[in-house]
Amino acid sequence: MSHEIIQLMVEDHDNFIHIIADRNSGEAAVVDPAWDAEGIAEVLGDEGLSLTAILITHSHHDHVNAVHELRAGNDQVAVFISELEYPAWPDCPEDAILVSDGDEITFAGTTIGVISTPGHTVGGCCYHIGNDLITGDTLFIYGAGRADLKGSDPHKLFNSLQKLKKLPEETRIWVGHDYGSTQTATLGEQFAHNPFMMIENEADFVRYRLELAAKTRSQPYQPIEKEALDAVLEDA
């Protein structure tokens, strides 16, 4: 497997854009292009990469607003989005390819697995490539996506994070926003110190996501110890 993850952050915005680069073929897939289509295209050119696919984790404006410009004049660039998320994006390209949990996207010499992770939005998903996981706004470094927005559901978010716990600890996560104390990390570090991954009880998780987290944490999110998390849950 020859893929590489290139992480970009547009000036004046805190969300990450990820390029999946296949160095053998020179092909690239961009995940959640937003804010600066010209800048993304410039990076692709500097890296000697040809854009062949766009992958969407979820349809919030700050993750999709550069899709049409980046794809302009080249509708051979395939756009992938969850079939559950598709109805939530009125401006979704008509020829978008709809994917479901467990699907595999063939990209150059790389297979990209689709993991359905609703909760932050109605049909959010993560993309699993080898030892890398691109999480969008489902999971952040020592944080997790909001679940109080239109289309959100904290119960579904809890179940989505339980699904991610089945992946190997050494899996490296690439997240949708620069909210944490580092820009990337392993799942193992999240299992041990991310409160949203540490809470095993669904009712406690929902209470923490909707009420307690905002009262007890601030950015950049730092790792938390189990004893400190237990104290927050018990004191509330």
C-alpha atoms as a PDB file:
ATOM      1  CA  MET A   1       0.000   0.000   0.000  1.00  0.00           C
ATOM      2  CA  SER A   2       1.556   3.255  -1.127  1.00  0.00           C
ATOM      3  CA  HIS A   3      -0.754   5.886   0.245  1.00  0.00           C
ATOM      4  CA  GLU A   4       0.258   8.962   2.201  1.00  0.00           C
ATOM      5  CA  ILE A   5      -1.935  11.418   4.124  1.00  0.00           C
ATOM      6  CA  ILE A   6      -1.219  15.113   3.536  1.00  0.00           C
ATOM      7  CA  GLN A   7      -2.933  17.335   6.110  1.00  0.00           C
ATOM      8  CA  LEU A   8      -3.809  20.934   5.239  1.00  0.00           C
ATOM      9  CA  MET A   9      -5.361  23.731   7.271  1.00  0.00           C
ATOM     10  CA  VAL A  10      -6.639  26.845   5.531  1.00  0.00           C
ATOM     11  CA  GLU A  11      -5.577  30.177   6.974  1.00  0.00           C
ATOM     12  CA  ASP A  12      -8.253  31.759   9.226  1.00  0.00           C
ATOM     13  CA  HIS A  13     -10.127  28.460   9.557  1.00  0.00           C
ATOM     14  CA  ASP A  14      -9.633  25.627  12.010  1.00  0.00           C
ATOM     15  CA  ASN A  15     -10.819  22.690   9.952  1.00  0.00           C
ATOM     16  CA  PHE A  16      -8.406  20.233   8.390  1.00  0.00           C
ATOM     17  CA  ILE A  17      -8.468  19.074   4.790  1.00  0.00           C
ATOM     18  CA  HIS A  18      -6.833  15.753   3.971  1.00  0.00           C
ATOM     19  CA  ILE A  19      -5.291  14.575   0.744  1.00  0.00           C
ATOM     20  CA  ILE A  20      -4.889  10.829   0.276  1.00  0.00           C
ATOM     21  CA  ALA A  21      -1.958  10.560  -2.091  1.00  0.00           C
ATOM     22  CA  ASP A  22      -0.935   7.428  -3.992  1.00  0.00           C
ATOM     23  CA  ARG A  23       2.687   8.057  -4.896  1.00  0.00           C
ATOM     24  CA  ASN A  24       2.940   5.118  -7.275  1.00  0.00           C
ATOM     25  CA  SER A  25       0.160   6.314  -9.556  1.00  0.00           C
ATOM     26  CA  GLY A  26       0.316  10.032  -8.780  1.00  0.00           C
ATOM     27  CA  GLU A  27      -3.410  10.046  -8.005  1.00  0.00           C
ATOM     28  CA  ALA A  28      -5.034  11.905  -5.123  1.00  0.00           C
ATOM     29  CA  ALA A  29      -8.337  11.905  -3.267  1.00  0.00           C
ATOM     30  CA  VAL A  30      -9.291  14.973  -1.229  1.00  0.00           C
ATOM     31  CA  VAL A  31     -11.410  14.554   1.873  1.00  0.00           C
ATOM     32  CA  ASP A  32     -13.802  17.391   2.821  1.00  0.00           C
ATOM     33  CA  PRO A  33     -12.453  20.182   0.585  1.00  0.00           C
ATOM     34  CA  ALA A  34     -13.477  23.597   1.903  1.00  0.00           C
ATOM     35  CA  TRP A  35     -12.672  27.307   1.856  1.00  0.00           C
ATOM     36  CA  ASP A  36      -9.784  27.359  -0.622  1.00  0.00           C
ATOM     37  CA  ALA A  37     -10.150  25.289  -3.788  1.00  0.00           C
ATOM     38  CA  GLU A  38      -7.328  27.233  -5.414  1.00  0.00           C
ATOM     39  CA  GLY A  39      -4.972  26.519  -2.532  1.00  0.00           C
ATOM     40  CA  ILE A  40      -5.850  22.813  -2.522  1.00  0.00           C
ATOM     41  CA  ALA A  41      -5.253  22.629  -6.270  1.00  0.00           C
ATOM     42  CA  GLU A  42      -1.911  24.370  -5.804  1.00  0.00           C
ATOM     43  CA  VAL A  43      -0.798  21.781  -3.241  1.00  0.00           C
ATOM     44  CA  LEU A  44      -1.849  18.982  -5.576  1.00  0.00           C
ATOM     45  CA  GLY A  45       0.210  20.564  -8.336  1.00  0.00           C
ATOM     46  CA  ASP A  46       3.237  21.086  -6.103  1.00  0.00           C
ATOM     47  CA  GLU A  47       3.047  17.430  -5.035  1.00  0.00           C
ATOM     48  CA  GLY A  48       2.707  16.219  -8.626  1.00  0.00           C
ATOM     49  CA  LEU A  49      -0.704  14.708  -7.918  1.00  0.00           C
ATOM     50  CA  SER A  50      -3.769  14.368 -10.115  1.00  0.00           C
ATOM     51  CA  LEU A  51      -7.159  14.661  -8.413  1.00  0.00           C
ATOM     52  CA  THR A  52      -9.375  11.657  -9.139  1.00  0.00           C
ATOM     53  CA  ALA A  53     -11.767  11.558  -6.162  1.00  0.00           C
ATOM     54  CA  ILE A  54     -13.407  13.664  -3.458  1.00  0.00           C
ATOM     55  CA  LEU A  55     -14.579  11.972  -0.265  1.00  0.00           C
ATOM     56  CA  ILE A  56     -17.124  13.618   2.049  1.00  0.00           C
ATOM     57  CA  THR A  57     -17.350  12.693   5.733  1.00  0.00           C
ATOM     58  CA  HIS A  58     -20.438  14.858   6.258  1.00  0.00           C
ATOM     59  CA  SER A  59     -22.223  17.679   4.503  1.00  0.00           C
ATOM     60  CA  HIS A  60     -21.754  20.674   6.798  1.00  0.00           C
ATOM     61  CA  HIS A  61     -20.844  23.797   4.838  1.00  0.00           C
ATOM     62  CA  ASP A  62     -17.349  24.045   6.318  1.00  0.00           C
ATOM     63  CA  HIS A  63     -16.509  20.606   4.902  1.00  0.00           C
ATOM     64  CA  VAL A  64     -17.956  20.841   1.386  1.00  0.00           C
ATOM     65  CA  ASN A  65     -17.920  24.466   0.219  1.00  0.00           C
ATOM     66  CA  ALA A  66     -14.980  23.986  -2.172  1.00  0.00           C
ATOM     67  CA  VAL A  67     -16.242  20.789  -3.831  1.00  0.00           C
ATOM     68  CA  HIS A  68     -17.803  22.356  -6.910  1.00  0.00           C
ATOM     69  CA  GLU A  69     -14.943  24.760  -7.565  1.00  0.00           C
ATOM     70  CA  LEU A  70     -12.311  22.071  -7.105  1.00  0.00           C
ATOM     71  CA  ARG A  71     -14.189  19.798  -9.491  1.00  0.00           C
ATOM     72  CA  ALA A  72     -15.042  22.523 -12.029  1.00  0.00           C
ATOM     73  CA  GLY A  73     -14.334  21.454 -15.576  1.00  0.00           C
ATOM     74  CA  ASN A  74     -13.483  17.909 -14.540  1.00  0.00           C
ATOM     75  CA  ASP A  75     -16.561  15.862 -13.743  1.00  0.00           C
ATOM     76  CA  GLN A  76     -14.392  12.741 -14.059  1.00  0.00           C
ATOM     77  CA  VAL A  77     -13.477  13.436 -10.430  1.00  0.00           C
ATOM     78  CA  ALA A  78     -15.751  11.072  -8.512  1.00  0.00           C
ATOM     79  CA  VAL A  79     -17.530  12.375  -5.398  1.00  0.00           C
ATOM     80  CA  PHE A  80     -18.328   9.872  -2.634  1.00  0.00           C
ATOM     81  CA  ILE A  81     -20.822  10.495   0.159  1.00  0.00           C
ATOM     82  CA  SER A  82     -22.822   8.337   2.550  1.00  0.00           C
ATOM     83  CA  GLU A  83     -26.261   7.433   1.226  1.00  0.00           C
ATOM     84  CA  LEU A  84     -27.694   8.569   4.580  1.00  0.00           C
ATOM     85  CA  GLU A  85     -25.950  11.947   4.342  1.00  0.00           C
ATOM     86  CA  TYR A  86     -26.798  12.597   0.696  1.00  0.00           C
ATOM     87  CA  PRO A  87     -30.308  14.023   1.384  1.00  0.00           C
ATOM     88  CA  ALA A  88     -28.831  16.494   3.902  1.00  0.00           C
ATOM     89  CA  TRP A  89     -26.726  18.223   1.212  1.00  0.00           C
ATOM     90  CA  PRO A  90     -29.034  20.052  -1.198  1.00  0.00           C
ATOM     91  CA  ASP A  91     -26.078  21.061  -3.383  1.00  0.00           C
ATOM     92  CA  CYS A  92     -24.629  17.563  -3.681  1.00  0.00           C
ATOM     93  CA  PRO A  93     -23.464  16.742  -7.224  1.00  0.00           C
ATOM     94  CA  GLU A  94     -26.106  14.711  -9.022  1.00  0.00           C
ATOM     95  CA  ASP A  95     -23.561  12.117 -10.061  1.00  0.00           C
ATOM     96  CA  ALA A  96     -22.235  11.543  -6.538  1.00  0.00           C
ATOM     97  CA  ILE A  97     -21.504   7.925  -5.663  1.00  0.00           C
ATOM     98  CA  LEU A  98     -23.429   6.837  -2.571  1.00  0.00           C
ATOM     99  CA  VAL A  99     -21.671   4.543  -0.107  1.00  0.00           C
ATOM    100  CA  SER A 100     -22.764   2.551   2.931  1.00  0.00           C
ATOM    101  CA  ASP A 101     -21.165   1.019   6.008  1.00  0.00           C
ATOM    102  CA  GLY A 102     -18.678  -1.652   5.039  1.00  0.00           C
ATOM    103  CA  ASP A 103     -18.287  -0.525   1.440  1.00  0.00           C
ATOM    104  CA  GLU A 104     -14.818  -0.341  -0.060  1.00  0.00           C
ATOM    105  CA  ILE A 105     -13.691   2.381  -2.438  1.00  0.00           C
ATOM    106  CA  THR A 106     -10.962   1.372  -4.870  1.00  0.00           C
ATOM    107  CA  PHE A 107      -8.521   4.246  -5.231  1.00  0.00           C
ATOM    108  CA  ALA A 108      -5.354   3.698  -7.296  1.00  0.00           C
ATOM    109  CA  GLY A 109      -3.470   0.989  -5.386  1.00  0.00           C
ATOM    110  CA  THR A 110      -5.378   1.608  -2.181  1.00  0.00           C
ATOM    111  CA  THR A 111      -8.628   0.292  -0.729  1.00  0.00           C
ATOM    112  CA  ILE A 112     -10.560   2.816   1.345  1.00  0.00           C
ATOM    113  CA  GLY A 113     -13.063   1.363   3.786  1.00  0.00           C
ATOM    114  CA  VAL A 114     -16.277   3.187   4.657  1.00  0.00           C
ATOM    115  CA  ILE A 115     -17.383   3.192   8.302  1.00  0.00           C
ATOM    116  CA  SER A 116     -20.815   4.683   8.948  1.00  0.00           C
ATOM    117  CA  THR A 117     -20.635   6.950  12.010  1.00  0.00           C
ATOM    118  CA  PRO A 118     -23.856   8.959  12.415  1.00  0.00           C
ATOM    119  CA  GLY A 119     -24.362  11.169  15.441  1.00  0.00           C
ATOM    120  CA  HIS A 120     -22.802  14.508  14.602  1.00  0.00           C
ATOM    121  CA  THR A 121     -24.905  14.414  11.442  1.00  0.00           C
ATOM    122  CA  VAL A 122     -27.543  12.010  10.219  1.00  0.00           C
ATOM    123  CA  GLY A 123     -25.189  10.134   7.914  1.00  0.00           C
ATOM    124  CA  GLY A 124     -21.600  10.967   8.779  1.00  0.00           C
ATOM    125  CA  CYS A 125     -18.885   8.463   7.986  1.00  0.00           C
ATOM    126  CA  CYS A 126     -15.176   7.825   8.484  1.00  0.00           C
ATOM    127  CA  TYR A 127     -12.686   6.561   5.925  1.00  0.00           C
ATOM    128  CA  HIS A 128     -10.253   3.784   6.874  1.00  0.00           C
ATOM    129  CA  ILE A 129      -7.086   3.429   4.792  1.00  0.00           C
ATOM    130  CA  GLY A 130      -4.513   0.964   6.017  1.00  0.00           C
ATOM    131  CA  ASN A 131      -3.385   2.215   9.407  1.00  0.00           C
ATOM    132  CA  ASP A 132      -5.083   5.612   8.973  1.00  0.00           C
ATOM    133  CA  LEU A 133      -8.595   6.752   9.865  1.00  0.00           C
ATOM    134  CA  ILE A 134     -10.061  10.037   8.641  1.00  0.00           C
ATOM    135  CA  THR A 135     -12.802  10.891  11.125  1.00  0.00           C
ATOM    136  CA  GLY A 136     -14.331  14.196  10.007  1.00  0.00           C
ATOM    137  CA  ASP A 137     -16.284  15.602  12.953  1.00  0.00           C
ATOM    138  CA  THR A 138     -17.140  12.253  14.547  1.00  0.00           C
ATOM    139  CA  LEU A 139     -13.975  12.107  16.632  1.00  0.00           C
ATOM    140  CA  PHE A 140     -11.468  14.827  17.502  1.00  0.00           C
ATOM    141  CA  ILE A 141      -8.172  14.681  19.351  1.00  0.00           C
ATOM    142  CA  TYR A 142      -9.439  14.263  22.937  1.00  0.00           C
ATOM    143  CA  GLY A 143     -12.902  15.373  21.820  1.00  0.00           C
ATOM    144  CA  ALA A 144     -15.912  14.418  19.713  1.00  0.00           C
ATOM    145  CA  GLY A 145     -18.449  16.095  17.471  1.00  0.00           C
ATOM    146  CA  ARG A 146     -21.374  18.109  18.738  1.00  0.00           C
ATOM    147  CA  ALA A 147     -24.659  16.288  19.005  1.00  0.00           C
ATOM    148  CA  ASP A 148     -27.072  19.171  19.555  1.00  0.00           C
ATOM    149  CA  LEU A 149     -27.422  20.288  15.942  1.00  0.00           C
ATOM    150  CA  LYS A 150     -30.052  19.556  13.302  1.00  0.00           C
ATOM    151  CA  GLY A 151     -29.612  15.932  12.308  1.00  0.00           C
ATOM    152  CA  SER A 152     -27.472  15.158  15.364  1.00  0.00           C
ATOM    153  CA  ASP A 153     -28.178  12.358  17.811  1.00  0.00           C
ATOM    154  CA  PRO A 154     -25.997  11.764  20.907  1.00  0.00           C
ATOM    155  CA  HIS A 155     -27.162   8.148  21.187  1.00  0.00           C
ATOM    156  CA  LYS A 156     -26.039   7.438  17.640  1.00  0.00           C
ATOM    157  CA  LEU A 157     -22.753   9.226  18.298  1.00  0.00           C
ATOM    158  CA  PHE A 158     -22.141   6.960  21.304  1.00  0.00           C
ATOM    159  CA  ASN A 159     -22.728   3.874  19.177  1.00  0.00           C
ATOM    160  CA  SER A 160     -20.507   5.209  16.388  1.00  0.00           C
ATOM    161  CA  LEU A 161     -17.609   5.698  18.799  1.00  0.00           C
ATOM    162  CA  GLN A 162     -18.134   2.175  20.143  1.00  0.00           C
ATOM    163  CA  LYS A 163     -17.687   0.961  16.576  1.00  0.00           C
ATOM    164  CA  LEU A 164     -14.375   2.825  16.243  1.00  0.00           C
ATOM    165  CA  LYS A 165     -13.144   1.117  19.421  1.00  0.00           C
ATOM    166  CA  LYS A 166     -12.967  -2.134  17.449  1.00  0.00           C
ATOM    167  CA  LEU A 167     -10.107  -0.776  15.321  1.00  0.00           C
ATOM    168  CA  PRO A 168      -6.463  -1.382  16.292  1.00  0.00           C
ATOM    169  CA  GLU A 169      -4.960   0.933  18.895  1.00  0.00           C
ATOM    170  CA  GLU A 170      -2.117   1.873  16.559  1.00  0.00           C
ATOM    171  CA  THR A 171      -4.550   3.333  14.001  1.00  0.00           C
ATOM    172  CA  ARG A 172      -3.660   6.978  13.368  1.00  0.00           C
ATOM    173  CA  ILE A 173      -6.575   9.398  13.306  1.00  0.00           C
ATOM    174  CA  TRP A 174      -6.878  12.458  11.110  1.00  0.00           C
ATOM    175  CA  VAL A 175      -9.649  14.707  12.387  1.00  0.00           C
ATOM    176  CA  GLY A 176     -11.887  17.416  10.976  1.00  0.00           C
ATOM    177  CA  HIS A 177     -10.852  20.334  13.211  1.00  0.00           C
ATOM    178  CA  ASP A 178      -7.781  21.570  15.047  1.00  0.00           C
ATOM    179  CA  TYR A 179      -9.416  21.440  18.462  1.00  0.00           C
ATOM    180  CA  GLY A 180      -6.958  19.246  20.347  1.00  0.00           C
ATOM    181  CA  SER A 181      -3.530  19.587  21.911  1.00  0.00           C
ATOM    182  CA  THR A 182      -1.972  17.796  18.920  1.00  0.00           C
ATOM    183  CA  GLN A 183      -2.890  17.660  15.250  1.00  0.00           C
ATOM    184  CA  THR A 184      -2.974  13.882  14.980  1.00  0.00           C
ATOM    185  CA  ALA A 185      -2.825  10.955  17.388  1.00  0.00           C
ATOM    186  CA  THR A 186      -3.462   7.235  17.670  1.00  0.00           C
ATOM    187  CA  LEU A 187      -6.723   5.598  18.592  1.00  0.00           C
ATOM    188  CA  GLY A 188      -4.936   4.043  21.557  1.00  0.00           C
ATOM    189  CA  GLU A 189      -4.255   7.508  22.952  1.00  0.00           C
ATOM    190  CA  GLN A 190      -7.960   8.283  22.554  1.00  0.00           C
ATOM    191  CA  PHE A 191      -9.031   5.038  24.227  1.00  0.00           C
ATOM    192  CA  ALA A 192      -6.922   5.997  27.243  1.00  0.00           C
ATOM    193  CA  HIS A 193      -7.478   9.754  27.509  1.00  0.00           C
ATOM    194  CA  ASN A 194     -10.427  10.959  25.395  1.00  0.00           C
ATOM    195  CA  PRO A 195     -13.485  11.213  27.665  1.00  0.00           C
ATOM    196  CA  PHE A 196     -15.878  10.416  24.826  1.00  0.00           C
ATOM    197  CA  MET A 197     -14.058   7.155  24.179  1.00  0.00           C
ATOM    198  CA  MET A 198     -13.646   6.347  27.874  1.00  0.00           C
ATOM    199  CA  ILE A 199     -17.310   6.516  28.910  1.00  0.00           C
ATOM    200  CA  GLU A 200     -18.854   3.049  28.623  1.00  0.00           C
ATOM    201  CA  ASN A 201     -22.397   3.871  29.761  1.00  0.00           C
ATOM    202  CA  GLU A 202     -24.660   5.370  27.086  1.00  0.00           C
ATOM    203  CA  ALA A 203     -26.700   7.498  29.501  1.00  0.00           C
ATOM    204  CA  ASP A 204     -23.529   8.952  31.021  1.00  0.00           C
ATOM    205  CA  PHE A 205     -22.187   9.638  27.533  1.00  0.00           C
ATOM    206  CA  VAL A 206     -25.323  11.512  26.475  1.00  0.00           C
ATOM    207  CA  ARG A 207     -25.308  13.577  29.648  1.00  0.00           C
ATOM    208  CA  TYR A 208     -21.623  14.350  29.251  1.00  0.00           C
ATOM    209  CA  ARG A 209     -21.951  15.260  25.552  1.00  0.00           C
ATOM    210  CA  LEU A 210     -25.015  17.483  25.951  1.00  0.00           C
ATOM    211  CA  GLU A 211     -24.302  19.088  29.331  1.00  0.00           C
ATOM    212  CA  LEU A 212     -21.058  18.398  31.133  1.00  0.00           C
ATOM    213  CA  ALA A 213     -18.346  18.658  28.484  1.00  0.00           C
ATOM    214  CA  ALA A 214     -19.029  22.315  27.697  1.00  0.00           C
ATOM    215  CA  LYS A 215     -18.930  23.187  31.400  1.00  0.00           C
ATOM    216  CA  THR A 216     -15.711  21.376  32.230  1.00  0.00           C
ATOM    217  CA  ARG A 217     -13.493  21.555  29.134  1.00  0.00           C
ATOM    218  CA  SER A 218     -12.018  24.151  26.789  1.00  0.00           C
ATOM    219  CA  GLN A 219      -9.865  24.151  23.676  1.00  0.00           C
ATOM    220  CA  PRO A 220      -7.312  22.968  22.960  1.00  0.00           C
ATOM    221  CA  TYR A 221      -8.645  19.721  24.366  1.00  0.00           C
ATOM    222  CA  GLN A 222      -6.148  17.950  26.588  1.00  0.00           C
ATOM    223  CA  PRO A 223      -5.962  14.286  27.619  1.00  0.00           C
ATOM    224  CA  ILE A 224      -7.965  13.473  30.719  1.00  0.00           C
ATOM    225  CA  GLU A 225      -7.362  10.816  33.356  1.00  0.00           C
ATOM    226  CA  LYS A 226     -10.092   8.356  34.304  1.00  0.00           C
ATOM    227  CA  GLU A 227     -10.216   9.593  37.884  1.00  0.00           C
ATOM    228  CA  ALA A 228     -10.866  13.169  36.750  1.00  0.00           C
ATOM    229  CA  LEU A 229     -13.581  12.049  34.337  1.00  0.00           C
ATOM    230  CA  ASP A 230     -15.249   9.922  36.999  1.00  0.00           C
ATOM    231  CA  ALA A 231     -15.266  12.927  39.329  1.00  0.00           C
ATOM    232  CA  VAL A 232     -17.051  15.053  36.722  1.00  0.00           C
ATOM    233  CA  LEU A 233     -19.674  12.380  36.152  1.00  0.00           C
ATOM    234  CA  GLU A 234     -20.225  11.798  39.876  1.00  0.00           C
ATOM    235  CA  ASP A 235     -20.377  15.467  40.861  1.00  0.00           C
ATOM    236  CA  ALA A 236     -22.951  16.440  38.239  1.00  0.00           C
END
